[in-house]
Amino acid sequence: EDEHVETDSLFVLIGADARTDWLRDVVLRDERGYVC
């Protein structure tokens, strides 16, 4: 089922990702961007 709820405050804490695109190929990274 789908439910509609009224709220004006939603806080999102659903994990995180590595932001290492600026490193390009300078250091070895895995497929998700984490540094080896």
PDB file of all heavy atoms in Angstrom:
ATOM      1  N   GLU A   1       0.828  -1.206   0.000  1.00  0.00           N
ATOM      2  CA  GLU A   1       0.000   0.000   0.000  1.00  0.00           C
ATOM      3  C   GLU A   1       0.865   1.260   0.000  1.00  0.00           C
ATOM      4  O   GLU A   1       1.995   1.263   0.488  1.00  0.00           O
ATOM      5  CB  GLU A   1      -0.915   0.009   1.231  1.00  0.00           C
ATOM      6  CG  GLU A   1      -1.925  -1.131   1.252  1.00  0.00           C
ATOM      7  CD  GLU A   1      -2.793  -1.093   2.498  1.00  0.00           C
ATOM      8  OE1 GLU A   1      -2.504  -0.261   3.392  1.00  0.00           O
ATOM      9  OE2 GLU A   1      -3.748  -1.889   2.586  1.00  0.00           O
ATOM     10  N   ASP A   2       0.277   2.343  -0.561  1.00  0.00           N
ATOM     11  CA  ASP A   2       0.903   3.655  -0.516  1.00  0.00           C
ATOM     12  C   ASP A   2       0.143   4.530   0.477  1.00  0.00           C
ATOM     13  O   ASP A   2      -1.090   4.481   0.551  1.00  0.00           O
ATOM     14  CB  ASP A   2       0.879   4.329  -1.886  1.00  0.00           C
ATOM     15  CG  ASP A   2       1.858   3.685  -2.854  1.00  0.00           C
ATOM     16  OD1 ASP A   2       2.832   3.058  -2.378  1.00  0.00           O
ATOM     17  OD2 ASP A   2       1.639   3.791  -4.073  1.00  0.00           O
ATOM     18  N   GLU A   3       0.887   5.316   1.236  1.00  0.00           N
ATOM     19  CA  GLU A   3       0.277   6.183   2.249  1.00  0.00           C
ATOM     20  C   GLU A   3       0.770   7.616   2.030  1.00  0.00           C
ATOM     21  O   GLU A   3       1.957   7.849   1.795  1.00  0.00           O
ATOM     22  CB  GLU A   3       0.682   5.718   3.654  1.00  0.00           C
ATOM     23  CG  GLU A   3       0.185   6.611   4.783  1.00  0.00           C
ATOM     24  CD  GLU A   3       0.785   6.241   6.136  1.00  0.00           C
ATOM     25  OE1 GLU A   3       1.683   5.379   6.181  1.00  0.00           O
ATOM     26  OE2 GLU A   3       0.351   6.838   7.146  1.00  0.00           O
ATOM     27  N   HIS A   4      -0.159   8.578   2.092  1.00  0.00           N
ATOM     28  CA  HIS A   4       0.226   9.988   2.008  1.00  0.00           C
ATOM     29  C   HIS A   4       0.280  10.563   3.423  1.00  0.00           C
ATOM     30  O   HIS A   4      -0.671  10.416   4.201  1.00  0.00           O
ATOM     31  CB  HIS A   4      -0.772  10.794   1.180  1.00  0.00           C
ATOM     32  CG  HIS A   4      -0.435  12.256   1.127  1.00  0.00           C
ATOM     33  ND1 HIS A   4       0.524  12.764   0.284  1.00  0.00           N
ATOM     34  CD2 HIS A   4      -0.921  13.314   1.850  1.00  0.00           C
ATOM     35  CE1 HIS A   4       0.622  14.069   0.464  1.00  0.00           C
ATOM     36  NE2 HIS A   4      -0.259  14.430   1.398  1.00  0.00           N
ATOM     37  N   VAL A   5       1.385  11.189   3.760  1.00  0.00           N
ATOM     38  CA  VAL A   5       1.527  11.810   5.078  1.00  0.00           C
ATOM     39  C   VAL A   5       1.867  13.284   4.889  1.00  0.00           C
ATOM     40  O   VAL A   5       2.550  13.668   3.945  1.00  0.00           O
ATOM     41  CB  VAL A   5       2.618  11.115   5.925  1.00  0.00           C
ATOM     42  CG1 VAL A   5       2.263   9.665   6.165  1.00  0.00           C
ATOM     43  CG2 VAL A   5       3.988  11.226   5.277  1.00  0.00           C
ATOM     44  N   GLU A   6       1.381  14.112   5.802  1.00  0.00           N
ATOM     45  CA  GLU A   6       1.674  15.540   5.761  1.00  0.00           C
ATOM     46  C   GLU A   6       2.831  15.857   6.698  1.00  0.00           C
ATOM     47  O   GLU A   6       2.823  15.487   7.870  1.00  0.00           O
ATOM     48  CB  GLU A   6       0.435  16.339   6.178  1.00  0.00           C
ATOM     49  CG  GLU A   6      -0.722  16.234   5.193  1.00  0.00           C
ATOM     50  CD  GLU A   6      -1.894  17.114   5.586  1.00  0.00           C
ATOM     51  OE1 GLU A   6      -1.785  17.780   6.653  1.00  0.00           O
ATOM     52  OE2 GLU A   6      -2.896  17.148   4.856  1.00  0.00           O
ATOM     53  N   THR A   7       3.834  16.532   6.168  1.00  0.00           N
ATOM     54  CA  THR A   7       4.977  16.963   6.969  1.00  0.00           C
ATOM     55  C   THR A   7       5.749  18.013   6.191  1.00  0.00           C
ATOM     56  O   THR A   7       5.732  18.031   4.952  1.00  0.00           O
ATOM     57  CB  THR A   7       5.913  15.789   7.313  1.00  0.00           C
ATOM     58  OG1 THR A   7       6.984  16.269   8.147  1.00  0.00           O
ATOM     59  CG2 THR A   7       6.522  15.169   6.060  1.00  0.00           C
ATOM     60  N   ASP A   8       6.408  18.904   6.921  1.00  0.00           N
ATOM     61  CA  ASP A   8       7.288  19.873   6.266  1.00  0.00           C
ATOM     62  C   ASP A   8       8.733  19.696   6.726  1.00  0.00           C
ATOM     63  O   ASP A   8       9.573  20.576   6.519  1.00  0.00           O
ATOM     64  CB  ASP A   8       6.827  21.305   6.536  1.00  0.00           C
ATOM     65  CG  ASP A   8       6.879  21.675   8.014  1.00  0.00           C
ATOM     66  OD1 ASP A   8       7.247  20.810   8.849  1.00  0.00           O
ATOM     67  OD2 ASP A   8       6.560  22.832   8.348  1.00  0.00           O
ATOM     68  N   SER A   9       9.019  18.518   7.338  1.00  0.00           N
ATOM     69  CA  SER A   9      10.366  18.272   7.859  1.00  0.00           C
ATOM     70  C   SER A   9      10.774  16.824   7.597  1.00  0.00           C
ATOM     71  O   SER A   9      10.242  15.899   8.224  1.00  0.00           O
ATOM     72  CB  SER A   9      10.425  18.560   9.361  1.00  0.00           C
ATOM     73  OG  SER A   9      10.100  19.910   9.635  1.00  0.00           O
ATOM     74  N   LEU A  10      11.705  16.647   6.664  1.00  0.00           N
ATOM     75  CA  LEU A  10      12.207  15.316   6.328  1.00  0.00           C
ATOM     76  C   LEU A  10      13.734  15.335   6.404  1.00  0.00           C
ATOM     77  O   LEU A  10      14.384  16.128   5.711  1.00  0.00           O
ATOM     78  CB  LEU A  10      11.762  14.910   4.924  1.00  0.00           C
ATOM     79  CG  LEU A  10      12.324  13.578   4.390  1.00  0.00           C
ATOM     80  CD1 LEU A  10      11.793  12.401   5.209  1.00  0.00           C
ATOM     81  CD2 LEU A  10      11.992  13.404   2.912  1.00  0.00           C
ATOM     82  N   PHE A  11      14.291  14.467   7.228  1.00  0.00           N
ATOM     83  CA  PHE A  11      15.742  14.359   7.380  1.00  0.00           C
ATOM     84  C   PHE A  11      16.196  13.027   6.790  1.00  0.00           C
ATOM     85  O   PHE A  11      15.646  11.979   7.126  1.00  0.00           O
ATOM     86  CB  PHE A  11      16.131  14.461   8.858  1.00  0.00           C
ATOM     87  CG  PHE A  11      15.834  15.803   9.453  1.00  0.00           C
ATOM     88  CD1 PHE A  11      14.578  16.069   9.991  1.00  0.00           C
ATOM     89  CD2 PHE A  11      16.783  16.803   9.450  1.00  0.00           C
ATOM     90  CE1 PHE A  11      14.287  17.313  10.535  1.00  0.00           C
ATOM     91  CE2 PHE A  11      16.512  18.052   9.985  1.00  0.00           C
ATOM     92  CZ  PHE A  11      15.256  18.311  10.528  1.00  0.00           C
ATOM     93  N   VAL A  12      17.185  13.102   5.915  1.00  0.00           N
ATOM     94  CA  VAL A  12      17.614  11.934   5.146  1.00  0.00           C
ATOM     95  C   VAL A  12      18.989  11.484   5.622  1.00  0.00           C
ATOM     96  O   VAL A  12      19.960  12.252   5.560  1.00  0.00           O
ATOM     97  CB  VAL A  12      17.650  12.254   3.636  1.00  0.00           C
ATOM     98  CG1 VAL A  12      18.010  11.009   2.842  1.00  0.00           C
ATOM     99  CG2 VAL A  12      16.307  12.822   3.183  1.00  0.00           C
ATOM    100  N   LEU A  13      19.081  10.249   6.082  1.00  0.00           N
ATOM    101  CA  LEU A  13      20.340   9.658   6.556  1.00  0.00           C
ATOM    102  C   LEU A  13      20.414   8.229   6.018  1.00  0.00           C
ATOM    103  O   LEU A  13      20.212   7.243   6.736  1.00  0.00           O
ATOM    104  CB  LEU A  13      20.416   9.672   8.081  1.00  0.00           C
ATOM    105  CG  LEU A  13      20.215  11.040   8.752  1.00  0.00           C
ATOM    106  CD1 LEU A  13      18.769  11.202   9.240  1.00  0.00           C
ATOM    107  CD2 LEU A  13      21.171  11.211   9.936  1.00  0.00           C
ATOM    108  N   ILE A  14      20.650   8.123   4.704  1.00  0.00           N
ATOM    109  CA  ILE A  14      20.545   6.819   4.036  1.00  0.00           C
ATOM    110  C   ILE A  14      21.894   6.343   3.503  1.00  0.00           C
ATOM    111  O   ILE A  14      22.008   5.830   2.408  1.00  0.00           O
ATOM    112  CB  ILE A  14      19.526   6.880   2.888  1.00  0.00           C
ATOM    113  CG1 ILE A  14      19.860   8.018   1.901  1.00  0.00           C
ATOM    114  CG2 ILE A  14      18.118   7.039   3.429  1.00  0.00           C
ATOM    115  CD1 ILE A  14      18.962   8.026   0.663  1.00  0.00           C
ATOM    116  N   GLY A  15      22.927   6.498   4.307  1.00  0.00           N
ATOM    117  CA  GLY A  15      24.236   6.036   3.865  1.00  0.00           C
ATOM    118  C   GLY A  15      24.981   7.130   3.136  1.00  0.00           C
ATOM    119  O   GLY A  15      24.537   8.269   3.046  1.00  0.00           O
ATOM    120  N   ALA A  16      26.135   6.773   2.605  1.00  0.00           N
ATOM    121  CA  ALA A  16      26.987   7.797   2.011  1.00  0.00           C
ATOM    122  C   ALA A  16      27.847   7.204   0.899  1.00  0.00           C
ATOM    123  O   ALA A  16      28.025   5.988   0.804  1.00  0.00           O
ATOM    124  CB  ALA A  16      27.876   8.405   3.101  1.00  0.00           C
ATOM    125  N   ASP A  17      28.368   8.091   0.064  1.00  0.00           N
ATOM    126  CA  ASP A  17      29.211   7.691  -1.057  1.00  0.00           C
ATOM    127  C   ASP A  17      30.511   8.483  -1.037  1.00  0.00           C
ATOM    128  O   ASP A  17      30.556   9.619  -0.546  1.00  0.00           O
ATOM    129  CB  ASP A  17      28.500   7.949  -2.393  1.00  0.00           C
ATOM    130  CG  ASP A  17      27.279   7.056  -2.585  1.00  0.00           C
ATOM    131  OD1 ASP A  17      27.385   5.861  -2.296  1.00  0.00           O
ATOM    132  OD2 ASP A  17      26.232   7.581  -3.014  1.00  0.00           O
ATOM    133  N   ALA A  18      31.560   7.879  -1.574  1.00  0.00           N
ATOM    134  CA  ALA A  18      32.846   8.566  -1.710  1.00  0.00           C
ATOM    135  C   ALA A  18      32.766   9.569  -2.854  1.00  0.00           C
ATOM    136  O   ALA A  18      32.244   9.253  -3.922  1.00  0.00           O
ATOM    137  CB  ALA A  18      33.956   7.552  -1.969  1.00  0.00           C
ATOM    138  N   ARG A  19      33.261  10.772  -2.626  1.00  0.00           N
ATOM    139  CA  ARG A  19      33.306  11.815  -3.655  1.00  0.00           C
ATOM    140  C   ARG A  19      34.773  12.073  -4.005  1.00  0.00           C
ATOM    141  O   ARG A  19      35.402  12.994  -3.495  1.00  0.00           O
ATOM    142  CB  ARG A  19      32.646  13.096  -3.159  1.00  0.00           C
ATOM    143  CG  ARG A  19      31.260  12.898  -2.546  1.00  0.00           C
ATOM    144  CD  ARG A  19      30.229  12.479  -3.560  1.00  0.00           C
ATOM    145  NE  ARG A  19      28.891  12.420  -2.968  1.00  0.00           N
ATOM    146  CZ  ARG A  19      27.846  11.883  -3.552  1.00  0.00           C
ATOM    147  NH1 ARG A  19      27.976  11.345  -4.760  1.00  0.00           N
ATOM    148  NH2 ARG A  19      26.661  11.862  -2.945  1.00  0.00           N
ATOM    149  N   THR A  20      35.316  11.233  -4.862  1.00  0.00           N
ATOM    150  CA  THR A  20      36.756  11.297  -5.159  1.00  0.00           C
ATOM    151  C   THR A  20      37.037  11.505  -6.643  1.00  0.00           C
ATOM    152  O   THR A  20      38.136  11.216  -7.115  1.00  0.00           O
ATOM    153  CB  THR A  20      37.444   9.998  -4.694  1.00  0.00           C
ATOM    154  OG1 THR A  20      36.796   8.873  -5.335  1.00  0.00           O
ATOM    155  CG2 THR A  20      37.356   9.829  -3.186  1.00  0.00           C
ATOM    156  N   ASP A  21      36.048  11.999  -7.395  1.00  0.00           N
ATOM    157  CA  ASP A  21      36.252  12.178  -8.834  1.00  0.00           C
ATOM    158  C   ASP A  21      37.429  13.109  -9.132  1.00  0.00           C
ATOM    159  O   ASP A  21      38.092  12.964 -10.168  1.00  0.00           O
ATOM    160  CB  ASP A  21      34.977  12.739  -9.480  1.00  0.00           C
ATOM    161  CG  ASP A  21      33.841  11.727  -9.470  1.00  0.00           C
ATOM    162  OD1 ASP A  21      34.123  10.545  -9.238  1.00  0.00           O
ATOM    163  OD2 ASP A  21      32.683  12.137  -9.662  1.00  0.00           O
ATOM    164  N   TRP A  22      37.699  14.048  -8.235  1.00  0.00           N
ATOM    165  CA  TRP A  22      38.770  15.011  -8.484  1.00  0.00           C
ATOM    166  C   TRP A  22      40.141  14.337  -8.534  1.00  0.00           C
ATOM    167  O   TRP A  22      41.095  14.881  -9.105  1.00  0.00           O
ATOM    168  CB  TRP A  22      38.758  16.107  -7.417  1.00  0.00           C
ATOM    169  CG  TRP A  22      39.082  15.608  -6.027  1.00  0.00           C
ATOM    170  CD1 TRP A  22      38.216  15.112  -5.117  1.00  0.00           C
ATOM    171  CD2 TRP A  22      40.373  15.567  -5.417  1.00  0.00           C
ATOM    172  NE1 TRP A  22      38.867  14.755  -3.970  1.00  0.00           N
ATOM    173  CE2 TRP A  22      40.203  15.025  -4.128  1.00  0.00           C
ATOM    174  CE3 TRP A  22      41.659  15.931  -5.819  1.00  0.00           C
ATOM    175  CZ2 TRP A  22      41.253  14.848  -3.232  1.00  0.00           C
ATOM    176  CZ3 TRP A  22      42.719  15.750  -4.937  1.00  0.00           C
ATOM    177  CH2 TRP A  22      42.513  15.216  -3.667  1.00  0.00           C
ATOM    178  N   LEU A  23      40.251  13.129  -7.957  1.00  0.00           N
ATOM    179  CA  LEU A  23      41.528  12.415  -7.986  1.00  0.00           C
ATOM    180  C   LEU A  23      41.830  11.802  -9.353  1.00  0.00           C
ATOM    181  O   LEU A  23      42.977  11.466  -9.651  1.00  0.00           O
ATOM    182  CB  LEU A  23      41.533  11.304  -6.919  1.00  0.00           C
ATOM    183  CG  LEU A  23      41.727  11.757  -5.478  1.00  0.00           C
ATOM    184  CD1 LEU A  23      41.419  10.620  -4.519  1.00  0.00           C
ATOM    185  CD2 LEU A  23      43.137  12.269  -5.264  1.00  0.00           C
ATOM    186  N   ARG A  24      40.773  11.609 -10.135  1.00  0.00           N
ATOM    187  CA  ARG A  24      40.905  11.012 -11.467  1.00  0.00           C
ATOM    188  C   ARG A  24      41.713   9.715 -11.373  1.00  0.00           C
ATOM    189  O   ARG A  24      41.364   8.827 -10.605  1.00  0.00           O
ATOM    190  CB  ARG A  24      41.503  12.023 -12.444  1.00  0.00           C
ATOM    191  CG  ARG A  24      40.663  13.298 -12.599  1.00  0.00           C
ATOM    192  CD  ARG A  24      41.285  14.287 -13.573  1.00  0.00           C
ATOM    193  NE  ARG A  24      40.456  15.471 -13.717  1.00  0.00           N
ATOM    194  CZ  ARG A  24      40.512  16.520 -12.893  1.00  0.00           C
ATOM    195  NH1 ARG A  24      41.381  16.537 -11.899  1.00  0.00           N
ATOM    196  NH2 ARG A  24      39.708  17.561 -13.074  1.00  0.00           N
ATOM    197  N   ASP A  25      42.800   9.608 -12.165  1.00  0.00           N
ATOM    198  CA  ASP A  25      43.592   8.379 -12.154  1.00  0.00           C
ATOM    199  C   ASP A  25      44.896   8.544 -11.381  1.00  0.00           C
ATOM    200  O   ASP A  25      45.836   7.749 -11.548  1.00  0.00           O
ATOM    201  CB  ASP A  25      43.917   7.951 -13.599  1.00  0.00           C
ATOM    202  CG  ASP A  25      42.660   7.616 -14.386  1.00  0.00           C
ATOM    203  OD1 ASP A  25      41.713   7.075 -13.776  1.00  0.00           O
ATOM    204  OD2 ASP A  25      42.612   7.897 -15.596  1.00  0.00           O
ATOM    205  N   VAL A  26      44.963   9.551 -10.526  1.00  0.00           N
ATOM    206  CA  VAL A  26      46.213   9.795  -9.792  1.00  0.00           C
ATOM    207  C   VAL A  26      46.504   8.665  -8.833  1.00  0.00           C
ATOM    208  O   VAL A  26      47.638   8.177  -8.726  1.00  0.00           O
ATOM    209  CB  VAL A  26      46.131  11.140  -9.049  1.00  0.00           C
ATOM    210  CG1 VAL A  26      47.363  11.334  -8.162  1.00  0.00           C
ATOM    211  CG2 VAL A  26      46.012  12.290 -10.040  1.00  0.00           C
ATOM    212  N   VAL A  27      45.500   8.215  -8.084  1.00  0.00           N
ATOM    213  CA  VAL A  27      45.654   7.076  -7.183  1.00  0.00           C
ATOM    214  C   VAL A  27      44.626   6.012  -7.561  1.00  0.00           C
ATOM    215  O   VAL A  27      43.587   6.316  -8.162  1.00  0.00           O
ATOM    216  CB  VAL A  27      45.469   7.479  -5.698  1.00  0.00           C
ATOM    217  CG1 VAL A  27      46.501   8.513  -5.283  1.00  0.00           C
ATOM    218  CG2 VAL A  27      44.062   7.993  -5.441  1.00  0.00           C
ATOM    219  N   LEU A  28      44.916   4.779  -7.194  1.00  0.00           N
ATOM    220  CA  LEU A  28      44.011   3.673  -7.516  1.00  0.00           C
ATOM    221  C   LEU A  28      42.761   3.755  -6.654  1.00  0.00           C
ATOM    222  O   LEU A  28      42.843   3.880  -5.428  1.00  0.00           O
ATOM    223  CB  LEU A  28      44.721   2.333  -7.285  1.00  0.00           C
ATOM    224  CG  LEU A  28      43.901   1.080  -7.613  1.00  0.00           C
ATOM    225  CD1 LEU A  28      43.640   0.994  -9.109  1.00  0.00           C
ATOM    226  CD2 LEU A  28      44.624  -0.173  -7.121  1.00  0.00           C
ATOM    227  N   ARG A  29      41.575   3.673  -7.299  1.00  0.00           N
ATOM    228  CA  ARG A  29      40.298   3.659  -6.609  1.00  0.00           C
ATOM    229  C   ARG A  29      39.489   2.456  -7.079  1.00  0.00           C
ATOM    230  O   ARG A  29      39.702   1.946  -8.178  1.00  0.00           O
ATOM    231  CB  ARG A  29      39.515   4.943  -6.894  1.00  0.00           C
ATOM    232  CG  ARG A  29      40.204   6.216  -6.430  1.00  0.00           C
ATOM    233  CD  ARG A  29      39.397   7.457  -6.807  1.00  0.00           C
ATOM    234  NE  ARG A  29      39.348   7.648  -8.257  1.00  0.00           N
ATOM    235  CZ  ARG A  29      38.321   8.157  -8.917  1.00  0.00           C
ATOM    236  NH1 ARG A  29      37.213   8.482  -8.259  1.00  0.00           N
ATOM    237  NH2 ARG A  29      38.363   8.309 -10.218  1.00  0.00           N
ATOM    238  N   ASP A  30      38.563   2.025  -6.233  1.00  0.00           N
ATOM    239  CA  ASP A  30      37.718   0.913  -6.657  1.00  0.00           C
ATOM    240  C   ASP A  30      36.538   1.435  -7.468  1.00  0.00           C
ATOM    241  O   ASP A  30      36.433   2.648  -7.741  1.00  0.00           O
ATOM    242  CB  ASP A  30      37.267   0.059  -5.465  1.00  0.00           C
ATOM    243  CG  ASP A  30      36.299   0.787  -4.524  1.00  0.00           C
ATOM    244  OD1 ASP A  30      35.828   1.892  -4.879  1.00  0.00           O
ATOM    245  OD2 ASP A  30      36.008   0.254  -3.446  1.00  0.00           O
ATOM    246  N   GLU A  31      35.631   0.542  -7.852  1.00  0.00           N
ATOM    247  CA  GLU A  31      34.534   0.929  -8.741  1.00  0.00           C
ATOM    248  C   GLU A  31      33.556   1.904  -8.089  1.00  0.00           C
ATOM    249  O   GLU A  31      32.800   2.592  -8.778  1.00  0.00           O
ATOM    250  CB  GLU A  31      33.785  -0.320  -9.210  1.00  0.00           C
ATOM    251  CG  GLU A  31      33.053  -1.090  -8.121  1.00  0.00           C
ATOM    252  CD  GLU A  31      33.967  -1.984  -7.283  1.00  0.00           C
ATOM    253  OE1 GLU A  31      35.188  -2.026  -7.586  1.00  0.00           O
ATOM    254  OE2 GLU A  31      33.476  -2.629  -6.338  1.00  0.00           O
ATOM    255  N   ARG A  32      33.582   2.007  -6.755  1.00  0.00           N
ATOM    256  CA  ARG A  32      32.684   2.937  -6.059  1.00  0.00           C
ATOM    257  C   ARG A  32      33.396   4.229  -5.652  1.00  0.00           C
ATOM    258  O   ARG A  32      32.804   5.071  -4.991  1.00  0.00           O
ATOM    259  CB  ARG A  32      32.101   2.258  -4.823  1.00  0.00           C
ATOM    260  CG  ARG A  32      31.225   1.054  -5.144  1.00  0.00           C
ATOM    261  CD  ARG A  32      30.752   0.364  -3.879  1.00  0.00           C
ATOM    262  NE  ARG A  32      29.996   1.269  -3.026  1.00  0.00           N
ATOM    263  CZ  ARG A  32      29.764   1.054  -1.729  1.00  0.00           C
ATOM    264  NH1 ARG A  32      30.260  -0.036  -1.147  1.00  0.00           N
ATOM    265  NH2 ARG A  32      29.060   1.904  -1.024  1.00  0.00           N
ATOM    266  N   GLY A  33      34.644   4.381  -6.052  1.00  0.00           N
ATOM    267  CA  GLY A  33      35.367   5.608  -5.779  1.00  0.00           C
ATOM    268  C   GLY A  33      36.196   5.599  -4.514  1.00  0.00           C
ATOM    269  O   GLY A  33      36.881   6.585  -4.221  1.00  0.00           O
ATOM    270  N   TYR A  34      36.164   4.503  -3.760  1.00  0.00           N
ATOM    271  CA  TYR A  34      36.959   4.432  -2.538  1.00  0.00           C
ATOM    272  C   TYR A  34      38.429   4.205  -2.883  1.00  0.00           C
ATOM    273  O   TYR A  34      38.761   3.488  -3.836  1.00  0.00           O
ATOM    274  CB  TYR A  34      36.442   3.328  -1.617  1.00  0.00           C
ATOM    275  CG  TYR A  34      35.091   3.661  -1.010  1.00  0.00           C
ATOM    276  CD1 TYR A  34      33.903   3.297  -1.639  1.00  0.00           C
ATOM    277  CD2 TYR A  34      35.008   4.372   0.177  1.00  0.00           C
ATOM    278  CE1 TYR A  34      32.666   3.632  -1.107  1.00  0.00           C
ATOM    279  CE2 TYR A  34      33.780   4.704   0.737  1.00  0.00           C
ATOM    280  CZ  TYR A  34      32.610   4.329   0.091  1.00  0.00           C
ATOM    281  OH  TYR A  34      31.399   4.669   0.625  1.00  0.00           O
ATOM    282  N   VAL A  35      39.323   4.816  -2.095  1.00  0.00           N
ATOM    283  CA  VAL A  35      40.752   4.800  -2.393  1.00  0.00           C
ATOM    284  C   VAL A  35      41.387   3.522  -1.860  1.00  0.00           C
ATOM    285  O   VAL A  35      41.209   3.165  -0.686  1.00  0.00           O
ATOM    286  CB  VAL A  35      41.443   6.035  -1.792  1.00  0.00           C
ATOM    287  CG1 VAL A  35      42.940   6.008  -2.076  1.00  0.00           C
ATOM    288  CG2 VAL A  35      40.816   7.313  -2.352  1.00  0.00           C
ATOM    289  N   CYS A  36      42.145   2.835  -2.715  1.00  0.00           N
ATOM    290  CA  CYS A  36      42.818   1.585  -2.341  1.00  0.00           C
ATOM    291  C   CYS A  36      44.157   1.898  -1.677  1.00  0.00           C
ATOM    292  O   CYS A  36      44.816   2.896  -1.991  1.00  0.00           O
ATOM    293  CB  CYS A  36      43.038   0.712  -3.567  1.00  0.00           C
ATOM    294  SG  CYS A  36      41.510   0.273  -4.445  1.00  0.00           S
TER     295      CYS A  36
END
